[in-house]
Amino acid sequence: MQAYDRLPRELRLWVQSAKLPWSPASCRKVWLKTKARGDSLEQTLASLDRAEAATLARDK
């Protein structure tokens, strides 16, 4: 739970509405990668949405 609590607020809010049970480590990895590229918050959240959609499509 501590790992989840250390996530940025915006990321925690995204996780709460995610369709899949994301681990804090997985979320943080995508978050840090996109932020390192200089992506905005909106771009970062869109990247998480795309990653989740790809996982859902693969699991069908």
PDB file of N, CA and C in Angstrom:
ATOM      1  N   MET A   1       0.816  -1.185   0.000  1.00  0.00           N
ATOM      2  CA  MET A   1       0.000   0.000   0.000  1.00  0.00           C
ATOM      3  C   MET A   1       0.869   1.261   0.000  1.00  0.00           C
ATOM      4  N   GLN A   2       2.043   1.167   0.580  1.00  0.00           N
ATOM      5  CA  GLN A   2       2.925   2.328   0.607  1.00  0.00           C
ATOM      6  C   GLN A   2       3.367   2.733  -0.786  1.00  0.00           C
ATOM      7  N   ALA A   3       3.599   1.730  -1.648  1.00  0.00           N
ATOM      8  CA  ALA A   3       4.008   2.039  -3.028  1.00  0.00           C
ATOM      9  C   ALA A   3       2.894   2.803  -3.740  1.00  0.00           C
ATOM     10  N   TYR A   4       1.671   2.394  -3.517  1.00  0.00           N
ATOM     11  CA  TYR A   4       0.522   3.091  -4.108  1.00  0.00           C
ATOM     12  C   TYR A   4       0.426   4.512  -3.555  1.00  0.00           C
ATOM     13  N   ASP A   5       0.595   4.655  -2.269  1.00  0.00           N
ATOM     14  CA  ASP A   5       0.502   5.971  -1.627  1.00  0.00           C
ATOM     15  C   ASP A   5       1.571   6.941  -2.113  1.00  0.00           C
ATOM     16  N   ARG A   6       2.696   6.412  -2.575  1.00  0.00           N
ATOM     17  CA  ARG A   6       3.777   7.271  -3.062  1.00  0.00           C
ATOM     18  C   ARG A   6       3.592   7.720  -4.509  1.00  0.00           C
ATOM     19  N   LEU A   7       2.607   7.150  -5.212  1.00  0.00           N
ATOM     20  CA  LEU A   7       2.349   7.570  -6.592  1.00  0.00           C
ATOM     21  C   LEU A   7       1.836   9.008  -6.605  1.00  0.00           C
ATOM     22  N   PRO A   8       2.116   9.733  -7.680  1.00  0.00           N
ATOM     23  CA  PRO A   8       1.563  11.087  -7.791  1.00  0.00           C
ATOM     24  C   PRO A   8       0.025  11.043  -7.744  1.00  0.00           C
ATOM     25  N   ARG A   9      -0.565  12.071  -7.221  1.00  0.00           N
ATOM     26  CA  ARG A   9      -2.021  12.125  -7.044  1.00  0.00           C
ATOM     27  C   ARG A   9      -2.769  11.817  -8.337  1.00  0.00           C
ATOM     28  N   GLU A  10      -2.346  12.434  -9.439  1.00  0.00           N
ATOM     29  CA  GLU A  10      -3.027  12.237 -10.716  1.00  0.00           C
ATOM     30  C   GLU A  10      -2.968  10.779 -11.157  1.00  0.00           C
ATOM     31  N   LEU A  11      -1.861  10.137 -10.874  1.00  0.00           N
ATOM     32  CA  LEU A  11      -1.713   8.735 -11.230  1.00  0.00           C
ATOM     33  C   LEU A  11      -2.597   7.859 -10.348  1.00  0.00           C
ATOM     34  N   ARG A  12      -2.674   8.160  -9.081  1.00  0.00           N
ATOM     35  CA  ARG A  12      -3.569   7.405  -8.190  1.00  0.00           C
ATOM     36  C   ARG A  12      -5.018   7.535  -8.646  1.00  0.00           C
ATOM     37  N   LEU A  13      -5.402   8.721  -9.080  1.00  0.00           N
ATOM     38  CA  LEU A  13      -6.768   8.923  -9.576  1.00  0.00           C
ATOM     39  C   LEU A  13      -7.013   8.100 -10.834  1.00  0.00           C
ATOM     40  N   TRP A  14      -6.014   8.032 -11.703  1.00  0.00           N
ATOM     41  CA  TRP A  14      -6.158   7.226 -12.915  1.00  0.00           C
ATOM     42  C   TRP A  14      -6.320   5.749 -12.541  1.00  0.00           C
ATOM     43  N   VAL A  15      -5.504   5.262 -11.627  1.00  0.00           N
ATOM     44  CA  VAL A  15      -5.550   3.864 -11.209  1.00  0.00           C
ATOM     45  C   VAL A  15      -6.937   3.514 -10.662  1.00  0.00           C
ATOM     46  N   GLN A  16      -7.540   4.434  -9.946  1.00  0.00           N
ATOM     47  CA  GLN A  16      -8.859   4.186  -9.363  1.00  0.00           C
ATOM     48  C   GLN A  16      -9.919   3.921 -10.423  1.00  0.00           C
ATOM     49  N   SER A  17      -9.752   4.516 -11.609  1.00  0.00           N
ATOM     50  CA  SER A  17     -10.753   4.321 -12.664  1.00  0.00           C
ATOM     51  C   SER A  17     -10.287   3.332 -13.736  1.00  0.00           C
ATOM     52  N   ALA A  18      -9.131   2.729 -13.555  1.00  0.00           N
ATOM     53  CA  ALA A  18      -8.599   1.780 -14.539  1.00  0.00           C
ATOM     54  C   ALA A  18      -9.478   0.533 -14.605  1.00  0.00           C
ATOM     55  N   LYS A  19      -9.493  -0.061 -15.777  1.00  0.00           N
ATOM     56  CA  LYS A  19     -10.275  -1.282 -15.983  1.00  0.00           C
ATOM     57  C   LYS A  19      -9.536  -2.527 -15.504  1.00  0.00           C
ATOM     58  N   LEU A  20      -8.214  -2.421 -15.415  1.00  0.00           N
ATOM     59  CA  LEU A  20      -7.376  -3.529 -14.972  1.00  0.00           C
ATOM     60  C   LEU A  20      -6.754  -3.219 -13.612  1.00  0.00           C
ATOM     61  N   PRO A  21      -6.401  -4.244 -12.863  1.00  0.00           N
ATOM     62  CA  PRO A  21      -5.740  -4.028 -11.561  1.00  0.00           C
ATOM     63  C   PRO A  21      -4.239  -3.777 -11.749  1.00  0.00           C
ATOM     64  N   TRP A  22      -3.879  -2.550 -11.997  1.00  0.00           N
ATOM     65  CA  TRP A  22      -2.477  -2.177 -12.232  1.00  0.00           C
ATOM     66  C   TRP A  22      -1.690  -2.220 -10.931  1.00  0.00           C
ATOM     67  N   SER A  23      -0.454  -2.687 -11.041  1.00  0.00           N
ATOM     68  CA  SER A  23       0.430  -2.620  -9.879  1.00  0.00           C
ATOM     69  C   SER A  23       1.040  -1.219  -9.826  1.00  0.00           C
ATOM     70  N   PRO A  24       1.365  -0.743  -8.636  1.00  0.00           N
ATOM     71  CA  PRO A  24       2.028   0.562  -8.541  1.00  0.00           C
ATOM     72  C   PRO A  24       3.322   0.616  -9.345  1.00  0.00           C
ATOM     73  N   ALA A  25       4.061  -0.478  -9.386  1.00  0.00           N
ATOM     74  CA  ALA A  25       5.321  -0.492 -10.134  1.00  0.00           C
ATOM     75  C   ALA A  25       5.085  -0.318 -11.636  1.00  0.00           C
ATOM     76  N   SER A  26       4.086  -0.982 -12.176  1.00  0.00           N
ATOM     77  CA  SER A  26       3.781  -0.855 -13.603  1.00  0.00           C
ATOM     78  C   SER A  26       3.339   0.559 -13.951  1.00  0.00           C
ATOM     79  N   CYS A  27       2.486   1.112 -13.123  1.00  0.00           N
ATOM     80  CA  CYS A  27       2.015   2.489 -13.353  1.00  0.00           C
ATOM     81  C   CYS A  27       3.177   3.466 -13.297  1.00  0.00           C
ATOM     82  N   ARG A  28       3.987   3.299 -12.301  1.00  0.00           N
ATOM     83  CA  ARG A  28       5.119   4.212 -12.120  1.00  0.00           C
ATOM     84  C   ARG A  28       6.082   4.124 -13.298  1.00  0.00           C
ATOM     85  N   LYS A  29       6.285   2.930 -13.834  1.00  0.00           N
ATOM     86  CA  LYS A  29       7.189   2.753 -14.969  1.00  0.00           C
ATOM     87  C   LYS A  29       6.703   3.556 -16.176  1.00  0.00           C
ATOM     88  N   VAL A  30       5.426   3.431 -16.514  1.00  0.00           N
ATOM     89  CA  VAL A  30       4.869   4.196 -17.637  1.00  0.00           C
ATOM     90  C   VAL A  30       4.937   5.681 -17.331  1.00  0.00           C
ATOM     91  N   TRP A  31       4.566   6.064 -16.127  1.00  0.00           N
ATOM     92  CA  TRP A  31       4.567   7.466 -15.706  1.00  0.00           C
ATOM     93  C   TRP A  31       5.955   8.091 -15.870  1.00  0.00           C
ATOM     94  N   LEU A  32       6.971   7.427 -15.339  1.00  0.00           N
ATOM     95  CA  LEU A  32       8.327   7.973 -15.398  1.00  0.00           C
ATOM     96  C   LEU A  32       8.855   8.029 -16.830  1.00  0.00           C
ATOM     97  N   LYS A  33       8.541   7.020 -17.623  1.00  0.00           N
ATOM     98  CA  LYS A  33       8.990   6.989 -19.017  1.00  0.00           C
ATOM     99  C   LYS A  33       8.410   8.167 -19.799  1.00  0.00           C
ATOM    100  N   THR A  34       7.129   8.414 -19.643  1.00  0.00           N
ATOM    101  CA  THR A  34       6.497   9.502 -20.395  1.00  0.00           C
ATOM    102  C   THR A  34       6.928  10.864 -19.868  1.00  0.00           C
ATOM    103  N   LYS A  35       7.076  10.984 -18.589  1.00  0.00           N
ATOM    104  CA  LYS A  35       7.533  12.246 -18.012  1.00  0.00           C
ATOM    105  C   LYS A  35       8.972  12.549 -18.429  1.00  0.00           C
ATOM    106  N   ALA A  36       9.801  11.512 -18.556  1.00  0.00           N
ATOM    107  CA  ALA A  36      11.182  11.701 -18.991  1.00  0.00           C
ATOM    108  C   ALA A  36      11.243  12.228 -20.425  1.00  0.00           C
ATOM    109  N   ARG A  37      10.247  11.862 -21.222  1.00  0.00           N
ATOM    110  CA  ARG A  37      10.163  12.370 -22.595  1.00  0.00           C
ATOM    111  C   ARG A  37       9.657  13.806 -22.629  1.00  0.00           C
ATOM    112  N   GLY A  38       9.168  14.277 -21.507  1.00  0.00           N
ATOM    113  CA  GLY A  38       8.639  15.636 -21.443  1.00  0.00           C
ATOM    114  C   GLY A  38       7.155  15.725 -21.758  1.00  0.00           C
ATOM    115  N   ASP A  39       6.475  14.575 -21.725  1.00  0.00           N
ATOM    116  CA  ASP A  39       5.045  14.566 -22.009  1.00  0.00           C
ATOM    117  C   ASP A  39       4.259  15.324 -20.947  1.00  0.00           C
ATOM    118  N   SER A  40       3.167  15.913 -21.381  1.00  0.00           N
ATOM    119  CA  SER A  40       2.260  16.613 -20.464  1.00  0.00           C
ATOM    120  C   SER A  40       1.475  15.578 -19.655  1.00  0.00           C
ATOM    121  N   LEU A  41       0.744  16.047 -18.685  1.00  0.00           N
ATOM    122  CA  LEU A  41      -0.109  15.160 -17.887  1.00  0.00           C
ATOM    123  C   LEU A  41      -1.104  14.444 -18.792  1.00  0.00           C
ATOM    124  N   GLU A  42      -1.710  15.180 -19.703  1.00  0.00           N
ATOM    125  CA  GLU A  42      -2.704  14.592 -20.601  1.00  0.00           C
ATOM    126  C   GLU A  42      -2.070  13.512 -21.479  1.00  0.00           C
ATOM    127  N   GLN A  43      -0.872  13.760 -21.982  1.00  0.00           N
ATOM    128  CA  GLN A  43      -0.181  12.776 -22.809  1.00  0.00           C
ATOM    129  C   GLN A  43       0.197  11.545 -21.986  1.00  0.00           C
ATOM    130  N   THR A  44       0.593  11.773 -20.764  1.00  0.00           N
ATOM    131  CA  THR A  44       0.966  10.668 -19.884  1.00  0.00           C
ATOM    132  C   THR A  44      -0.236   9.786 -19.591  1.00  0.00           C
ATOM    133  N   LEU A  45      -1.369  10.406 -19.272  1.00  0.00           N
ATOM    134  CA  LEU A  45      -2.577   9.631 -18.996  1.00  0.00           C
ATOM    135  C   LEU A  45      -3.059   8.913 -20.252  1.00  0.00           C
ATOM    136  N   ALA A  46      -2.911   9.536 -21.404  1.00  0.00           N
ATOM    137  CA  ALA A  46      -3.274   8.887 -22.664  1.00  0.00           C
ATOM    138  C   ALA A  46      -2.377   7.669 -22.915  1.00  0.00           C
ATOM    139  N   SER A  47      -1.115   7.759 -22.568  1.00  0.00           N
ATOM    140  CA  SER A  47      -0.206   6.618 -22.701  1.00  0.00           C
ATOM    141  C   SER A  47      -0.652   5.461 -21.820  1.00  0.00           C
ATOM    142  N   LEU A  48      -1.083   5.775 -20.623  1.00  0.00           N
ATOM    143  CA  LEU A  48      -1.592   4.733 -19.725  1.00  0.00           C
ATOM    144  C   LEU A  48      -2.865   4.118 -20.300  1.00  0.00           C
ATOM    145  N   ASP A  49      -3.734   4.943 -20.848  1.00  0.00           N
ATOM    146  CA  ASP A  49      -4.960   4.435 -21.478  1.00  0.00           C
ATOM    147  C   ASP A  49      -4.633   3.496 -22.636  1.00  0.00           C
ATOM    148  N   ARG A  50      -3.658   3.889 -23.466  1.00  0.00           N
ATOM    149  CA  ARG A  50      -3.267   3.048 -24.604  1.00  0.00           C
ATOM    150  C   ARG A  50      -2.660   1.730 -24.135  1.00  0.00           C
ATOM    151  N   ALA A  51      -1.829   1.783 -23.110  1.00  0.00           N
ATOM    152  CA  ALA A  51      -1.223   0.563 -22.576  1.00  0.00           C
ATOM    153  C   ALA A  51      -2.299  -0.376 -22.040  1.00  0.00           C
ATOM    154  N   GLU A  52      -3.274   0.189 -21.370  1.00  0.00           N
ATOM    155  CA  GLU A  52      -4.360  -0.634 -20.830  1.00  0.00           C
ATOM    156  C   GLU A  52      -5.198  -1.221 -21.962  1.00  0.00           C
ATOM    157  N   ALA A  53      -5.510  -0.416 -22.967  1.00  0.00           N
ATOM    158  CA  ALA A  53      -6.296  -0.894 -24.102  1.00  0.00           C
ATOM    159  C   ALA A  53      -5.561  -2.021 -24.841  1.00  0.00           C
ATOM    160  N   ALA A  54      -4.253  -1.881 -25.000  1.00  0.00           N
ATOM    161  CA  ALA A  54      -3.462  -2.915 -25.670  1.00  0.00           C
ATOM    162  C   ALA A  54      -3.495  -4.217 -24.874  1.00  0.00           C
ATOM    163  N   THR A  55      -3.408  -4.112 -23.571  1.00  0.00           N
ATOM    164  CA  THR A  55      -3.457  -5.301 -22.720  1.00  0.00           C
ATOM    165  C   THR A  55      -4.817  -5.961 -22.809  1.00  0.00           C
ATOM    166  N   LEU A  56      -5.866  -5.168 -22.773  1.00  0.00           N
ATOM    167  CA  LEU A  56      -7.219  -5.719 -22.876  1.00  0.00           C
ATOM    168  C   LEU A  56      -7.437  -6.395 -24.230  1.00  0.00           C
ATOM    169  N   ALA A  57      -6.945  -5.786 -25.302  1.00  0.00           N
ATOM    170  CA  ALA A  57      -7.090  -6.365 -26.637  1.00  0.00           C
ATOM    171  C   ALA A  57      -6.325  -7.678 -26.758  1.00  0.00           C
ATOM    172  N   ARG A  58      -5.157  -7.715 -26.146  1.00  0.00           N
ATOM    173  CA  ARG A  58      -4.319  -8.916 -26.194  1.00  0.00           C
ATOM    174  C   ARG A  58      -4.958 -10.063 -25.408  1.00  0.00           C
ATOM    175  N   ASP A  59      -5.643  -9.722 -24.333  1.00  0.00           N
ATOM    176  CA  ASP A  59      -6.231 -10.743 -23.464  1.00  0.00           C
ATOM    177  C   ASP A  59      -7.546 -11.323 -23.990  1.00  0.00           C
ATOM    178  N   LYS A  60      -8.076 -10.745 -25.054  1.00  0.00           N
ATOM    179  CA  LYS A  60      -9.362 -11.240 -25.584  1.00  0.00           C
ATOM    180  C   LYS A  60      -9.211 -12.551 -26.289  1.00  0.00           C
TER     181      LYS A  60
END
